[in-house]
C-alpha atoms as a PDB file:
ATOM      1  CA  UNK A   1     -56.130 -27.889 -29.938  1.00  0.00           C
ATOM      2  CA  UNK A   2     -56.505 -30.586 -27.060  1.00  0.00           C
ATOM      3  CA  UNK A   3     -56.193 -33.652 -29.317  1.00  0.00           C
ATOM      4  CA  UNK A   4     -55.989 -36.354 -26.328  1.00  0.00           C
ATOM      5  CA  UNK A   5     -59.609 -34.908 -25.493  1.00  0.00           C
ATOM      6  CA  UNK A   6     -60.702 -35.496 -29.025  1.00  0.00           C
ATOM      7  CA  UNK A   7     -59.194 -39.266 -29.289  1.00  0.00           C
ATOM      8  CA  UNK A   8     -61.372 -39.505 -25.856  1.00  0.00           C
ATOM      9  CA  UNK A   9     -64.452 -38.419 -27.163  1.00  0.00           C
ATOM     10  CA  UNK A  10     -64.101 -40.412 -30.622  1.00  0.00           C
ATOM     11  CA  UNK A  11     -63.711 -43.492 -28.432  1.00  0.00           C
ATOM     12  CA  UNK A  12     -66.813 -42.363 -26.416  1.00  0.00           C
ATOM     13  CA  UNK A  13     -68.737 -42.508 -29.484  1.00  0.00           C
ATOM     14  CA  UNK A  14     -67.181 -45.601 -31.311  1.00  0.00           C
ATOM     15  CA  UNK A  15     -68.008 -47.637 -27.526  1.00  0.00           C
ATOM     16  CA  UNK A  16     -71.091 -46.703 -27.592  1.00  0.00           C
ATOM     17  CA  UNK A  17     -72.465 -46.499 -31.228  1.00  0.00           C
ATOM     18  CA  UNK A  18     -69.767 -48.510 -34.116  1.00  0.00           C
ATOM     19  CA  UNK A  19     -68.839 -51.465 -31.494  1.00  0.00           C
ATOM     20  CA  UNK A  20     -65.909 -53.898 -33.875  1.00  0.00           C
ATOM     21  CA  UNK A  21     -67.010 -57.174 -34.032  1.00  0.00           C
ATOM     22  CA  UNK A  22     -64.126 -60.324 -34.351  1.00  0.00           C
ATOM     23  CA  UNK A  23     -64.392 -59.757 -38.641  1.00  0.00           C
ATOM     24  CA  UNK A  24     -63.919 -55.589 -38.190  1.00  0.00           C
ATOM     25  CA  UNK A  25     -60.788 -56.311 -35.620  1.00  0.00           C
ATOM     26  CA  UNK A  26     -59.538 -59.456 -37.513  1.00  0.00           C
ATOM     27  CA  UNK A  27     -59.196 -57.062 -40.894  1.00  0.00           C
ATOM     28  CA  UNK A  28     -57.520 -54.320 -38.821  1.00  0.00           C
ATOM     29  CA  UNK A  29     -55.029 -57.325 -37.276  1.00  0.00           C
ATOM     30  CA  UNK A  30     -54.623 -58.424 -41.041  1.00  0.00           C
ATOM     31  CA  UNK A  31     -53.519 -55.673 -42.244  1.00  0.00           C
ATOM     32  CA  UNK A  32     -51.036 -54.976 -39.807  1.00  0.00           C
ATOM     33  CA  UNK A  33     -49.255 -58.923 -39.742  1.00  0.00           C
ATOM     34  CA  UNK A  34     -49.715 -58.249 -43.327  1.00  0.00           C
ATOM     35  CA  UNK A  35     -47.251 -54.416 -43.696  1.00  0.00           C
ATOM     36  CA  UNK A  36     -50.167 -52.597 -44.827  1.00  0.00           C
ATOM     37  CA  UNK A  37     -50.445 -48.749 -44.325  1.00  0.00           C
ATOM     38  CA  UNK A  38     -52.425 -48.267 -40.720  1.00  0.00           C
ATOM     39  CA  UNK A  39     -54.901 -45.294 -43.458  1.00  0.00           C
ATOM     40  CA  UNK A  40     -58.061 -46.974 -43.042  1.00  0.00           C
ATOM     41  CA  UNK A  41     -61.370 -45.246 -41.428  1.00  0.00           C
ATOM     42  CA  UNK A  42     -62.225 -45.200 -38.136  1.00  0.00           C
ATOM     43  CA  UNK A  43     -64.712 -47.103 -37.041  1.00  0.00           C
ATOM     44  CA  UNK A  44     -67.301 -43.612 -36.403  1.00  0.00           C
ATOM     45  CA  UNK A  45     -65.962 -43.061 -40.225  1.00  0.00           C
ATOM     46  CA  UNK A  46     -66.794 -46.585 -41.257  1.00  0.00           C
ATOM     47  CA  UNK A  47     -70.449 -46.125 -38.974  1.00  0.00           C
ATOM     48  CA  UNK A  48     -71.214 -43.284 -40.841  1.00  0.00           C
ATOM     49  CA  UNK A  49     -70.224 -44.473 -44.450  1.00  0.00           C
ATOM     50  CA  UNK A  50     -73.299 -47.332 -43.236  1.00  0.00           C
ATOM     51  CA  UNK A  51     -75.555 -44.592 -42.100  1.00  0.00           C
ATOM     52  CA  UNK A  52     -75.224 -43.158 -45.154  1.00  0.00           C
ATOM     53  CA  UNK A  53     -75.719 -46.070 -47.521  1.00  0.00           C
ATOM     54  CA  UNK A  54     -78.965 -46.694 -45.708  1.00  0.00           C
ATOM     55  CA  UNK A  55     -79.831 -43.455 -45.565  1.00  0.00           C
ATOM     56  CA  UNK A  56     -79.775 -43.880 -49.568  1.00  0.00           C
ATOM     57  CA  UNK A  57     -81.420 -46.758 -49.578  1.00  0.00           C
ATOM     58  CA  UNK A  58     -78.236 -47.815 -51.336  1.00  0.00           C
ATOM     59  CA  UNK A  59     -78.105 -51.330 -53.394  1.00  0.00           C
ATOM     60  CA  UNK A  60     -75.428 -50.853 -55.529  1.00  0.00           C
ATOM     61  CA  UNK A  61     -72.116 -48.740 -54.301  1.00  0.00           C
ATOM     62  CA  UNK A  62     -69.037 -48.146 -55.826  1.00  0.00           C
ATOM     63  CA  UNK A  63     -65.483 -47.921 -53.755  1.00  0.00           C
ATOM     64  CA  UNK A  64     -61.932 -46.529 -54.961  1.00  0.00           C
ATOM     65  CA  UNK A  65     -59.419 -47.806 -52.936  1.00  0.00           C
ATOM     66  CA  UNK A  66     -59.930 -51.240 -51.016  1.00  0.00           C
ATOM     67  CA  UNK A  67     -57.069 -51.110 -49.118  1.00  0.00           C
ATOM     68  CA  UNK A  68     -57.829 -54.455 -46.868  1.00  0.00           C
ATOM     69  CA  UNK A  69     -61.607 -53.884 -47.052  1.00  0.00           C
ATOM     70  CA  UNK A  70     -62.268 -52.670 -43.562  1.00  0.00           C
ATOM     71  CA  UNK A  71     -64.566 -49.667 -45.266  1.00  0.00           C
ATOM     72  CA  UNK A  72     -65.679 -51.869 -47.602  1.00  0.00           C
ATOM     73  CA  UNK A  73     -67.018 -54.892 -44.646  1.00  0.00           C
ATOM     74  CA  UNK A  74     -69.567 -51.363 -42.944  1.00  0.00           C
ATOM     75  CA  UNK A  75     -70.507 -50.650 -46.227  1.00  0.00           C
ATOM     76  CA  UNK A  76     -71.419 -54.334 -47.475  1.00  0.00           C
ATOM     77  CA  UNK A  77     -73.373 -54.454 -44.049  1.00  0.00           C
ATOM     78  CA  UNK A  78     -75.544 -51.682 -45.339  1.00  0.00           C
ATOM     79  CA  UNK A  79     -76.842 -53.503 -48.301  1.00  0.00           C
ATOM     80  CA  UNK A  80     -80.090 -55.239 -49.215  1.00  0.00           C
ATOM     81  CA  UNK A  81     -79.551 -59.066 -50.083  1.00  0.00           C
ATOM     82  CA  UNK A  82     -79.530 -58.149 -53.414  1.00  0.00           C
ATOM     83  CA  UNK A  83     -76.880 -55.302 -53.039  1.00  0.00           C
ATOM     84  CA  UNK A  84     -73.208 -55.088 -55.020  1.00  0.00           C
ATOM     85  CA  UNK A  85     -70.595 -53.093 -54.035  1.00  0.00           C
ATOM     86  CA  UNK A  86     -67.474 -52.306 -57.076  1.00  0.00           C
ATOM     87  CA  UNK A  87     -64.457 -51.908 -54.511  1.00  0.00           C
ATOM     88  CA  UNK A  88     -61.493 -50.837 -56.764  1.00  0.00           C
ATOM     89  CA  UNK A  89     -57.330 -50.960 -55.823  1.00  0.00           C
ATOM     90  CA  UNK A  90     -54.470 -50.847 -57.246  1.00  0.00           C
ATOM     91  CA  UNK A  91     -52.433 -53.243 -55.018  1.00  0.00           C
ATOM     92  CA  UNK A  92     -52.670 -57.170 -55.662  1.00  0.00           C
ATOM     93  CA  UNK A  93     -51.193 -57.594 -52.279  1.00  0.00           C
ATOM     94  CA  UNK A  94     -53.412 -55.012 -51.067  1.00  0.00           C
ATOM     95  CA  UNK A  95     -56.691 -57.120 -53.407  1.00  0.00           C
ATOM     96  CA  UNK A  96     -56.314 -60.515 -51.851  1.00  0.00           C
ATOM     97  CA  UNK A  97     -55.653 -59.550 -47.642  1.00  0.00           C
ATOM     98  CA  UNK A  98     -59.303 -57.837 -48.869  1.00  0.00           C
ATOM     99  CA  UNK A  99     -60.809 -60.784 -50.561  1.00  0.00           C
ATOM    100  CA  UNK A 100     -60.068 -62.367 -47.016  1.00  0.00           C
ATOM    101  CA  UNK A 101     -61.830 -60.207 -44.176  1.00  0.00           C
ATOM    102  CA  UNK A 102     -64.535 -59.409 -47.004  1.00  0.00           C
ATOM    103  CA  UNK A 103     -65.193 -63.664 -46.614  1.00  0.00           C
ATOM    104  CA  UNK A 104     -64.387 -63.845 -42.532  1.00  0.00           C
ATOM    105  CA  UNK A 105     -66.689 -60.715 -42.807  1.00  0.00           C
ATOM    106  CA  UNK A 106     -69.479 -63.075 -44.507  1.00  0.00           C
ATOM    107  CA  UNK A 107     -69.916 -60.184 -47.214  1.00  0.00           C
ATOM    108  CA  UNK A 108     -68.362 -61.603 -50.398  1.00  0.00           C
ATOM    109  CA  UNK A 109     -71.352 -62.452 -51.774  1.00  0.00           C
ATOM    110  CA  UNK A 110     -72.593 -58.656 -52.589  1.00  0.00           C
ATOM    111  CA  UNK A 111     -68.637 -57.700 -53.188  1.00  0.00           C
ATOM    112  CA  UNK A 112     -66.617 -57.631 -55.598  1.00  0.00           C
ATOM    113  CA  UNK A 113     -63.284 -56.764 -55.789  1.00  0.00           C
ATOM    114  CA  UNK A 114     -61.314 -55.171 -58.860  1.00  0.00           C
ATOM    115  CA  UNK A 115     -57.743 -54.713 -59.507  1.00  0.00           C
ATOM    116  CA  UNK A 116     -55.849 -52.235 -61.205  1.00  0.00           C
ATOM    117  CA  UNK A 117     -55.453 -48.710 -61.979  1.00  0.00           C
ATOM    118  CA  UNK A 118     -58.461 -46.510 -61.390  1.00  0.00           C
ATOM    119  CA  UNK A 119     -57.916 -44.653 -64.723  1.00  0.00           C
ATOM    120  CA  UNK A 120     -59.066 -47.570 -66.550  1.00  0.00           C
ATOM    121  CA  UNK A 121     -61.060 -49.749 -64.482  1.00  0.00           C
ATOM    122  CA  UNK A 122     -63.355 -46.305 -64.474  1.00  0.00           C
ATOM    123  CA  UNK A 123     -63.267 -45.467 -68.384  1.00  0.00           C
ATOM    124  CA  UNK A 124     -63.964 -49.521 -69.026  1.00  0.00           C
ATOM    125  CA  UNK A 125     -67.082 -49.172 -66.570  1.00  0.00           C
ATOM    126  CA  UNK A 126     -68.545 -45.953 -68.202  1.00  0.00           C
ATOM    127  CA  UNK A 127     -68.029 -47.722 -71.606  1.00  0.00           C
ATOM    128  CA  UNK A 128     -70.120 -50.940 -70.575  1.00  0.00           C
ATOM    129  CA  UNK A 129     -72.575 -49.057 -69.095  1.00  0.00           C
ATOM    130  CA  UNK A 130     -71.992 -49.753 -65.713  1.00  0.00           C
ATOM    131  CA  UNK A 131     -74.072 -48.243 -62.804  1.00  0.00           C
ATOM    132  CA  UNK A 132     -75.797 -45.560 -61.737  1.00  0.00           C
ATOM    133  CA  UNK A 133     -74.530 -46.131 -58.198  1.00  0.00           C
ATOM    134  CA  UNK A 134     -76.432 -44.950 -55.137  1.00  0.00           C
ATOM    135  CA  UNK A 135     -73.390 -44.050 -53.249  1.00  0.00           C
ATOM    136  CA  UNK A 136     -69.697 -43.612 -53.980  1.00  0.00           C
ATOM    137  CA  UNK A 137     -67.272 -43.135 -51.786  1.00  0.00           C
ATOM    138  CA  UNK A 138     -63.513 -42.308 -52.644  1.00  0.00           C
ATOM    139  CA  UNK A 139     -60.922 -43.164 -50.121  1.00  0.00           C
ATOM    140  CA  UNK A 140     -57.694 -43.173 -52.537  1.00  0.00           C
ATOM    141  CA  UNK A 141     -54.589 -41.673 -53.656  1.00  0.00           C
ATOM    142  CA  UNK A 142     -54.951 -38.015 -53.480  1.00  0.00           C
ATOM    143  CA  UNK A 143     -53.219 -36.584 -56.654  1.00  0.00           C
ATOM    144  CA  UNK A 144     -55.606 -37.415 -59.095  1.00  0.00           C
ATOM    145  CA  UNK A 145     -58.622 -37.240 -56.433  1.00  0.00           C
ATOM    146  CA  UNK A 146     -60.446 -34.282 -59.599  1.00  0.00           C
ATOM    147  CA  UNK A 147     -60.097 -37.427 -62.138  1.00  0.00           C
ATOM    148  CA  UNK A 148     -61.796 -39.591 -60.298  1.00  0.00           C
ATOM    149  CA  UNK A 149     -64.227 -37.230 -58.514  1.00  0.00           C
ATOM    150  CA  UNK A 150     -65.619 -36.693 -62.554  1.00  0.00           C
ATOM    151  CA  UNK A 151     -65.288 -40.854 -63.758  1.00  0.00           C
ATOM    152  CA  UNK A 152     -67.873 -41.223 -61.055  1.00  0.00           C
ATOM    153  CA  UNK A 153     -70.168 -38.105 -61.658  1.00  0.00           C
ATOM    154  CA  UNK A 154     -70.169 -40.323 -65.245  1.00  0.00           C
ATOM    155  CA  UNK A 155     -71.610 -43.514 -62.875  1.00  0.00           C
ATOM    156  CA  UNK A 156     -73.938 -41.626 -60.547  1.00  0.00           C
ATOM    157  CA  UNK A 157     -77.429 -40.348 -60.942  1.00  0.00           C
ATOM    158  CA  UNK A 158     -79.749 -37.743 -59.466  1.00  0.00           C
ATOM    159  CA  UNK A 159     -79.375 -38.729 -56.067  1.00  0.00           C
ATOM    160  CA  UNK A 160     -75.962 -40.510 -55.570  1.00  0.00           C
ATOM    161  CA  UNK A 161     -74.359 -39.385 -52.657  1.00  0.00           C
ATOM    162  CA  UNK A 162     -70.018 -38.716 -53.579  1.00  0.00           C
ATOM    163  CA  UNK A 163     -68.379 -39.264 -50.212  1.00  0.00           C
ATOM    164  CA  UNK A 164     -64.439 -38.021 -50.667  1.00  0.00           C
ATOM    165  CA  UNK A 165     -62.197 -38.642 -47.763  1.00  0.00           C
ATOM    166  CA  UNK A 166     -59.288 -36.931 -46.213  1.00  0.00           C
ATOM    167  CA  UNK A 167     -59.835 -33.427 -48.477  1.00  0.00           C
ATOM    168  CA  UNK A 168     -58.421 -31.246 -45.504  1.00  0.00           C
ATOM    169  CA  UNK A 169     -55.298 -33.092 -44.457  1.00  0.00           C
ATOM    170  CA  UNK A 170     -54.799 -31.853 -40.271  1.00  0.00           C
ATOM    171  CA  UNK A 171     -55.249 -27.931 -41.913  1.00  0.00           C
ATOM    172  CA  UNK A 172     -52.503 -28.248 -44.306  1.00  0.00           C
ATOM    173  CA  UNK A 173     -54.808 -27.485 -46.985  1.00  0.00           C
ATOM    174  CA  UNK A 174     -54.838 -23.511 -45.850  1.00  0.00           C
ATOM    175  CA  UNK A 175     -51.141 -23.591 -47.162  1.00  0.00           C
ATOM    176  CA  UNK A 176     -51.617 -22.590 -51.395  1.00  0.00           C
ATOM    177  CA  UNK A 177     -47.862 -22.942 -51.087  1.00  0.00           C
ATOM    178  CA  UNK A 178     -47.451 -26.490 -50.140  1.00  0.00           C
ATOM    179  CA  UNK A 179     -45.087 -28.793 -52.338  1.00  0.00           C
ATOM    180  CA  UNK A 180     -46.965 -32.158 -50.449  1.00  0.00           C
ATOM    181  CA  UNK A 181     -48.696 -33.837 -53.747  1.00  0.00           C
ATOM    182  CA  UNK A 182     -51.541 -34.908 -51.652  1.00  0.00           C
ATOM    183  CA  UNK A 183     -52.329 -31.528 -49.941  1.00  0.00           C
ATOM    184  CA  UNK A 184     -52.229 -29.951 -53.493  1.00  0.00           C
ATOM    185  CA  UNK A 185     -54.461 -32.823 -55.196  1.00  0.00           C
ATOM    186  CA  UNK A 186     -56.970 -32.237 -52.465  1.00  0.00           C
ATOM    187  CA  UNK A 187     -56.848 -28.668 -52.963  1.00  0.00           C
ATOM    188  CA  UNK A 188     -57.148 -28.805 -56.843  1.00  0.00           C
ATOM    189  CA  UNK A 189     -60.551 -31.252 -55.755  1.00  0.00           C
ATOM    190  CA  UNK A 190     -62.065 -29.040 -53.474  1.00  0.00           C
ATOM    191  CA  UNK A 191     -61.706 -25.838 -55.579  1.00  0.00           C
ATOM    192  CA  UNK A 192     -63.115 -28.046 -58.649  1.00  0.00           C
ATOM    193  CA  UNK A 193     -65.846 -29.535 -55.910  1.00  0.00           C
ATOM    194  CA  UNK A 194     -66.906 -25.352 -55.477  1.00  0.00           C
ATOM    195  CA  UNK A 195     -67.400 -24.958 -59.113  1.00  0.00           C
ATOM    196  CA  UNK A 196     -69.144 -28.542 -60.395  1.00  0.00           C
ATOM    197  CA  UNK A 197     -72.588 -27.707 -62.125  1.00  0.00           C
ATOM    198  CA  UNK A 198     -75.306 -29.842 -61.141  1.00  0.00           C
ATOM    199  CA  UNK A 199     -73.762 -31.073 -57.589  1.00  0.00           C
ATOM    200  CA  UNK A 200     -74.935 -29.784 -53.843  1.00  0.00           C
ATOM    201  CA  UNK A 201     -71.785 -30.096 -51.692  1.00  0.00           C
ATOM    202  CA  UNK A 202     -70.247 -29.814 -48.644  1.00  0.00           C
ATOM    203  CA  UNK A 203     -66.799 -30.394 -46.431  1.00  0.00           C
ATOM    204  CA  UNK A 204     -67.289 -31.513 -43.260  1.00  0.00           C
ATOM    205  CA  UNK A 205     -64.312 -31.488 -40.238  1.00  0.00           C
ATOM    206  CA  UNK A 206     -63.540 -34.404 -38.912  1.00  0.00           C
ATOM    207  CA  UNK A 207     -61.406 -34.855 -35.373  1.00  0.00           C
ATOM    208  CA  UNK A 208     -60.935 -37.642 -33.278  1.00  0.00           C
ATOM    209  CA  UNK A 209     -58.567 -40.694 -32.779  1.00  0.00           C
ATOM    210  CA  UNK A 210     -57.219 -39.912 -36.591  1.00  0.00           C
ATOM    211  CA  UNK A 211     -56.563 -36.405 -36.109  1.00  0.00           C
ATOM    212  CA  UNK A 212     -57.762 -33.749 -37.979  1.00  0.00           C
ATOM    213  CA  UNK A 213     -59.563 -34.011 -41.387  1.00  0.00           C
ATOM    214  CA  UNK A 214     -62.342 -34.151 -43.437  1.00  0.00           C
ATOM    215  CA  UNK A 215     -64.377 -35.403 -45.771  1.00  0.00           C
ATOM    216  CA  UNK A 216     -66.803 -34.026 -48.590  1.00  0.00           C
ATOM    217  CA  UNK A 217     -70.043 -35.268 -49.527  1.00  0.00           C
ATOM    218  CA  UNK A 218     -72.208 -34.239 -52.781  1.00  0.00           C
ATOM    219  CA  UNK A 219     -75.462 -35.281 -54.216  1.00  0.00           C
ATOM    220  CA  UNK A 220     -75.579 -34.977 -57.461  1.00  0.00           C
ATOM    221  CA  UNK A 221     -78.643 -32.664 -58.364  1.00  0.00           C
END
């Protein structure tokens, strides 16, 4: 693959259709300064999430994996004035950085950060009858992706769009003998997705500055 060409095309698209404003660039800079991993979605992927939220006419969004709030900002900007976005982050330091970035972007009135394990927070949300959400974005630790998805389904309705990032792992999902827990996690998730009744799903390969990966999209029927 011509990686250089893919990166240049990615930047070309981003410059035309997904330019970052000061709040977005400062959020990425803050993550670097705080020593956080550089694993946020790209600008094009952020704009893709925003377009999907607009297409869904989303007024409620659930995100698993806040990190520094970069993807959160992109999606929150698609919400109407009375919209809400609940984002779950297990790391208190990451959540603190994200809260500052979200406030700087002017969308803190639409965003609630819940700090803790998704395995604790999601069942509690289900028990309380929270939801349904119009859009769910899962971009958290990969080994329990299948479990996250099943929880998310319980917080969905017919028409809810669920998007799961990083499910191709630069093609390493083709290796059935991989010992990488992330690869094993997304392989298990992808198989489960193919067997899940009540959803219409596809995996879209992605390529660009973040190399080769893919996003799974599933609509609840």
